[in-house]
Amino acid sequence: MRKFGYLLFNPKSNDMLYEIDYLNYNGCSVVFMDPFNFQKEYPQFEFMLTLCKPNDVLIVSDLSYLASTFEHLIKIVQVLRNRSINLICADQNINTKNQEINQLIFLIEVFNHLHKREIKTKFRKTVQKNKQEGGRLLGAPKGMKRRTYNKAVETYRLKQEGKLSKEEIIELLDINRVSFYQYCKMGDNGLLTPDLMNLNGNRK
């Protein structure tokens, strides 16, 4: 049984060296690292999987250093289960065994469902509030409706937050790929700011 460490790190963060020391302290012979990216491409993690054998152990300090989203985490844990690789999350007291890893997957799926429902509820409340105010926005592209503006703002916010992939945002907000890129471009150009919340008329 060998112990491998893994670290999905934020390039802007300064805690990388501390996390490496932490994993080494917990007995990891090698620590593999990938920078967080929106493309969800993590080559070092894939390379680590090629080296792992059944009953080897993957150690992370925290689940946030293992995956970027709930969906990503579910896929990783499923891969570990299929390859009979044990997962230890030191800070969160997680130590999977064959009979426990399915329970972990179930819990992750539950929290993923709750997270998505929370996002939808917040978005729905925002839409309802702005519907009551009504109107067309000043400063935004000509003719943009309040409902479209709300989706644009939420799309850009979720994209900047980085917790959901592009596909997940598109599915969650029920938009297409063209709209996704248009909204992100609007946000980058500063068109999705509180200053544009002024209203004119009653168009919805």
Protein backbone atom coordinates (compact mmCIF):
# COMPACT_ATOMS: atom_id res chain seq x y z
CA MET A 1 0.00 0.00 0.00
CA ARG A 2 1.41 3.34 -1.09
CA LYS A 3 0.27 6.82 -0.11
CA PHE A 4 -0.03 9.54 -2.74
CA GLY A 5 -0.90 13.15 -2.05
CA TYR A 6 -2.84 15.45 -4.34
CA LEU A 7 -3.30 19.19 -4.37
CA LEU A 8 -5.62 21.17 -6.62
CA PHE A 9 -4.32 24.66 -5.92
CA ASN A 10 -5.25 28.21 -6.75
CA PRO A 11 -2.27 29.90 -8.47
CA LYS A 12 -3.18 33.15 -6.68
CA SER A 13 -3.06 31.53 -3.25
CA ASN A 14 0.03 31.34 -1.07
CA ASP A 15 -0.87 28.19 0.88
CA MET A 16 0.64 25.70 -1.58
CA LEU A 17 3.88 25.10 0.36
CA TYR A 18 1.98 24.59 3.60
CA GLU A 19 -0.30 22.02 1.94
CA ILE A 20 2.67 20.13 0.48
CA ASP A 21 4.32 19.95 3.92
CA TYR A 22 1.02 18.82 5.40
CA LEU A 23 0.68 15.95 2.92
CA ASN A 24 4.28 14.89 3.40
CA TYR A 25 3.73 14.89 7.15
CA ASN A 26 0.78 12.52 6.63
CA GLY A 27 3.03 9.98 4.93
CA CYS A 28 2.69 10.77 1.23
CA SER A 29 5.61 9.48 -0.82
CA VAL A 30 4.75 11.75 -3.75
CA VAL A 31 2.52 14.83 -4.01
CA PHE A 32 0.87 15.55 -7.37
CA MET A 33 -0.36 19.07 -8.10
CA ASP A 34 -2.61 20.73 -10.66
CA PRO A 35 -3.54 24.43 -10.90
CA PHE A 36 -7.26 25.12 -10.80
CA ASN A 37 -8.59 26.00 -14.25
CA PHE A 38 -12.01 26.54 -15.80
CA GLN A 39 -11.34 23.89 -18.46
CA LYS A 40 -11.36 21.20 -15.75
CA GLU A 41 -8.19 19.65 -17.17
CA TYR A 42 -5.97 18.13 -14.51
CA PRO A 43 -3.16 16.12 -16.15
CA GLN A 44 -1.22 15.42 -12.96
CA PHE A 45 -4.24 13.79 -11.39
CA GLU A 46 -4.67 11.59 -14.47
CA PHE A 47 -0.97 10.70 -14.36
CA MET A 48 -1.26 9.79 -10.68
CA LEU A 49 -4.12 7.41 -11.50
CA THR A 50 -1.89 5.53 -13.93
CA LEU A 51 0.55 4.88 -11.07
CA CYS A 52 -2.00 3.86 -8.46
CA LYS A 53 -2.75 0.22 -7.78
CA PRO A 54 -5.63 -1.36 -5.83
CA ASN A 55 -5.46 -0.61 -2.09
CA ASP A 56 -3.20 2.39 -2.60
CA VAL A 57 -4.23 5.52 -0.71
CA LEU A 58 -4.93 9.03 -1.99
CA ILE A 59 -4.55 11.69 0.70
CA VAL A 60 -5.86 15.26 0.54
CA SER A 61 -6.11 17.75 3.36
CA ASP A 62 -9.54 19.02 2.32
CA LEU A 63 -12.07 18.06 -0.37
CA SER A 64 -11.72 21.54 -1.88
CA TYR A 65 -8.15 20.57 -2.80
CA LEU A 66 -9.42 17.50 -4.66
CA ALA A 67 -12.19 18.82 -6.91
CA SER A 68 -13.59 22.10 -8.21
CA THR A 69 -17.31 21.26 -8.20
CA PHE A 70 -19.67 18.70 -6.70
CA GLU A 71 -19.98 16.98 -10.11
CA HIS A 72 -16.21 16.86 -10.41
CA LEU A 73 -15.93 15.41 -6.92
CA ILE A 74 -18.52 12.70 -7.62
CA LYS A 75 -16.62 11.61 -10.75
CA ILE A 76 -13.33 11.45 -8.86
CA VAL A 77 -14.74 9.40 -5.99
CA GLN A 78 -16.41 7.03 -8.45
CA VAL A 79 -13.08 6.53 -10.25
CA LEU A 80 -11.35 5.83 -6.94
CA ARG A 81 -14.04 3.31 -6.04
CA ASN A 82 -13.77 1.53 -9.39
CA ARG A 83 -10.00 1.26 -9.01
CA SER A 84 -10.19 0.23 -5.32
CA ILE A 85 -8.16 3.26 -4.25
CA ASN A 86 -8.79 4.46 -0.73
CA LEU A 87 -9.37 8.16 -0.05
CA ILE A 88 -8.27 9.94 3.11
CA CYS A 89 -9.33 13.53 3.71
CA ALA A 90 -7.38 14.45 6.82
CA ASP A 91 -9.07 17.69 7.88
CA GLN A 92 -12.61 16.36 7.37
CA ASN A 93 -12.02 12.97 8.99
CA ILE A 94 -12.88 11.03 5.83
CA ASN A 95 -11.29 7.60 5.41
CA THR A 96 -13.12 5.49 2.87
CA LYS A 97 -13.32 1.76 2.75
CA ASN A 98 -15.11 -0.34 0.16
CA GLN A 99 -18.35 -0.32 2.16
CA GLU A 100 -18.13 3.41 2.97
CA ILE A 101 -17.28 5.03 -0.34
CA ASN A 102 -20.83 4.60 -1.70
CA GLN A 103 -22.12 6.50 1.33
CA LEU A 104 -19.70 9.32 0.56
CA ILE A 105 -20.89 9.49 -3.05
CA PHE A 106 -24.50 9.59 -1.84
CA LEU A 107 -23.78 12.49 0.53
CA ILE A 108 -21.95 14.44 -2.16
CA GLU A 109 -24.91 14.00 -4.51
CA VAL A 110 -27.28 15.22 -1.79
CA PHE A 111 -25.22 18.37 -1.16
CA ASN A 112 -24.90 18.93 -4.90
CA HIS A 113 -28.69 18.83 -5.23
CA LEU A 114 -29.12 21.25 -2.32
CA HIS A 115 -26.52 23.61 -3.77
CA LYS A 116 -28.24 23.72 -7.16
CA ARG A 117 -31.63 24.25 -5.55
CA GLU A 118 -30.22 27.13 -3.48
CA ILE A 119 -28.85 28.80 -6.61
CA LYS A 120 -32.17 28.40 -8.43
CA THR A 121 -34.10 29.77 -5.45
CA LYS A 122 -31.88 32.87 -5.23
CA PHE A 123 -32.18 33.44 -8.95
CA ARG A 124 -35.97 33.02 -8.87
CA LYS A 125 -36.28 35.52 -6.00
CA THR A 126 -34.16 38.03 -7.89
CA VAL A 127 -36.31 37.64 -10.99
CA GLN A 128 -39.53 38.01 -8.99
CA LYS A 129 -38.25 41.14 -7.27
CA ASN A 130 -37.19 42.76 -10.51
CA LYS A 131 -40.43 41.77 -12.23
CA GLN A 132 -42.29 43.82 -9.66
CA GLU A 133 -40.13 46.83 -10.53
CA GLY A 134 -40.37 46.07 -14.28
CA GLY A 135 -38.92 48.17 -17.04
CA ARG A 136 -36.12 48.31 -19.53
CA LEU A 137 -32.50 48.86 -18.54
CA LEU A 138 -30.51 51.97 -19.37
CA GLY A 139 -26.90 51.46 -20.47
CA ALA A 140 -27.33 47.79 -21.35
CA PRO A 141 -27.58 46.73 -25.01
CA LYS A 142 -30.60 48.38 -26.59
CA GLY A 143 -33.83 46.49 -26.04
CA MET A 144 -32.51 44.12 -23.37
CA LYS A 145 -35.30 42.97 -21.09
CA ARG A 146 -35.09 42.72 -17.34
CA ARG A 147 -35.43 38.92 -17.41
CA THR A 148 -32.57 38.60 -19.91
CA TYR A 149 -30.46 40.98 -17.88
CA ASN A 150 -31.05 38.89 -14.75
CA LYS A 151 -29.85 35.77 -16.53
CA ALA A 152 -26.82 37.62 -17.86
CA VAL A 153 -25.86 38.83 -14.38
CA GLU A 154 -26.31 35.37 -12.86
CA THR A 155 -24.39 33.70 -15.68
CA TYR A 156 -21.45 36.03 -15.25
CA ARG A 157 -21.51 35.72 -11.46
CA LEU A 158 -21.46 31.91 -11.57
CA LYS A 159 -18.71 31.94 -14.17
CA GLN A 160 -16.56 34.27 -12.07
CA GLU A 161 -17.29 32.22 -8.95
CA GLY A 162 -15.79 29.21 -10.69
CA LYS A 163 -17.69 26.52 -8.80
CA LEU A 164 -19.70 25.33 -11.80
CA SER A 165 -18.51 24.41 -15.27
CA LYS A 166 -19.76 26.13 -18.41
CA GLU A 167 -22.05 23.19 -19.18
CA GLU A 168 -23.45 23.19 -15.64
CA ILE A 169 -24.23 26.93 -15.80
CA ILE A 170 -25.92 26.54 -19.19
CA GLU A 171 -28.09 23.72 -17.88
CA LEU A 172 -28.87 25.43 -14.59
CA LEU A 173 -29.99 28.74 -16.13
CA ASP A 174 -31.54 27.16 -19.23
CA ILE A 175 -29.52 29.18 -21.75
CA ASN A 176 -27.61 28.20 -24.88
CA ARG A 177 -23.87 28.38 -25.54
CA VAL A 178 -24.16 31.55 -27.64
CA SER A 179 -25.96 33.36 -24.82
CA PHE A 180 -23.40 32.11 -22.30
CA TYR A 181 -20.51 33.66 -24.23
CA GLN A 182 -22.48 36.86 -24.91
CA TYR A 183 -23.28 37.32 -21.23
CA CYS A 184 -19.68 36.65 -20.19
CA LYS A 185 -18.47 39.18 -22.75
CA MET A 186 -20.96 41.73 -21.40
CA GLY A 187 -19.64 41.16 -17.91
CA ASP A 188 -16.02 41.54 -19.02
CA ASN A 189 -16.99 44.80 -20.72
CA GLY A 190 -18.56 46.15 -17.54
CA LEU A 191 -22.16 46.00 -18.76
CA LEU A 192 -23.42 43.93 -15.84
CA THR A 193 -22.93 46.34 -12.97
CA PRO A 194 -25.34 47.78 -10.37
CA ASP A 195 -25.18 51.11 -12.24
CA LEU A 196 -27.23 49.57 -15.02
CA MET A 197 -30.14 48.73 -12.73
CA ASN A 198 -31.91 52.03 -13.49
CA LEU A 199 -35.32 51.49 -15.06
CA ASN A 200 -37.27 53.19 -17.80
CA GLY A 201 -40.83 52.28 -18.78
CA ASN A 202 -42.73 49.10 -17.99
CA ARG A 203 -41.32 46.58 -20.47
CA LYS A 204 -40.61 43.15 -18.96
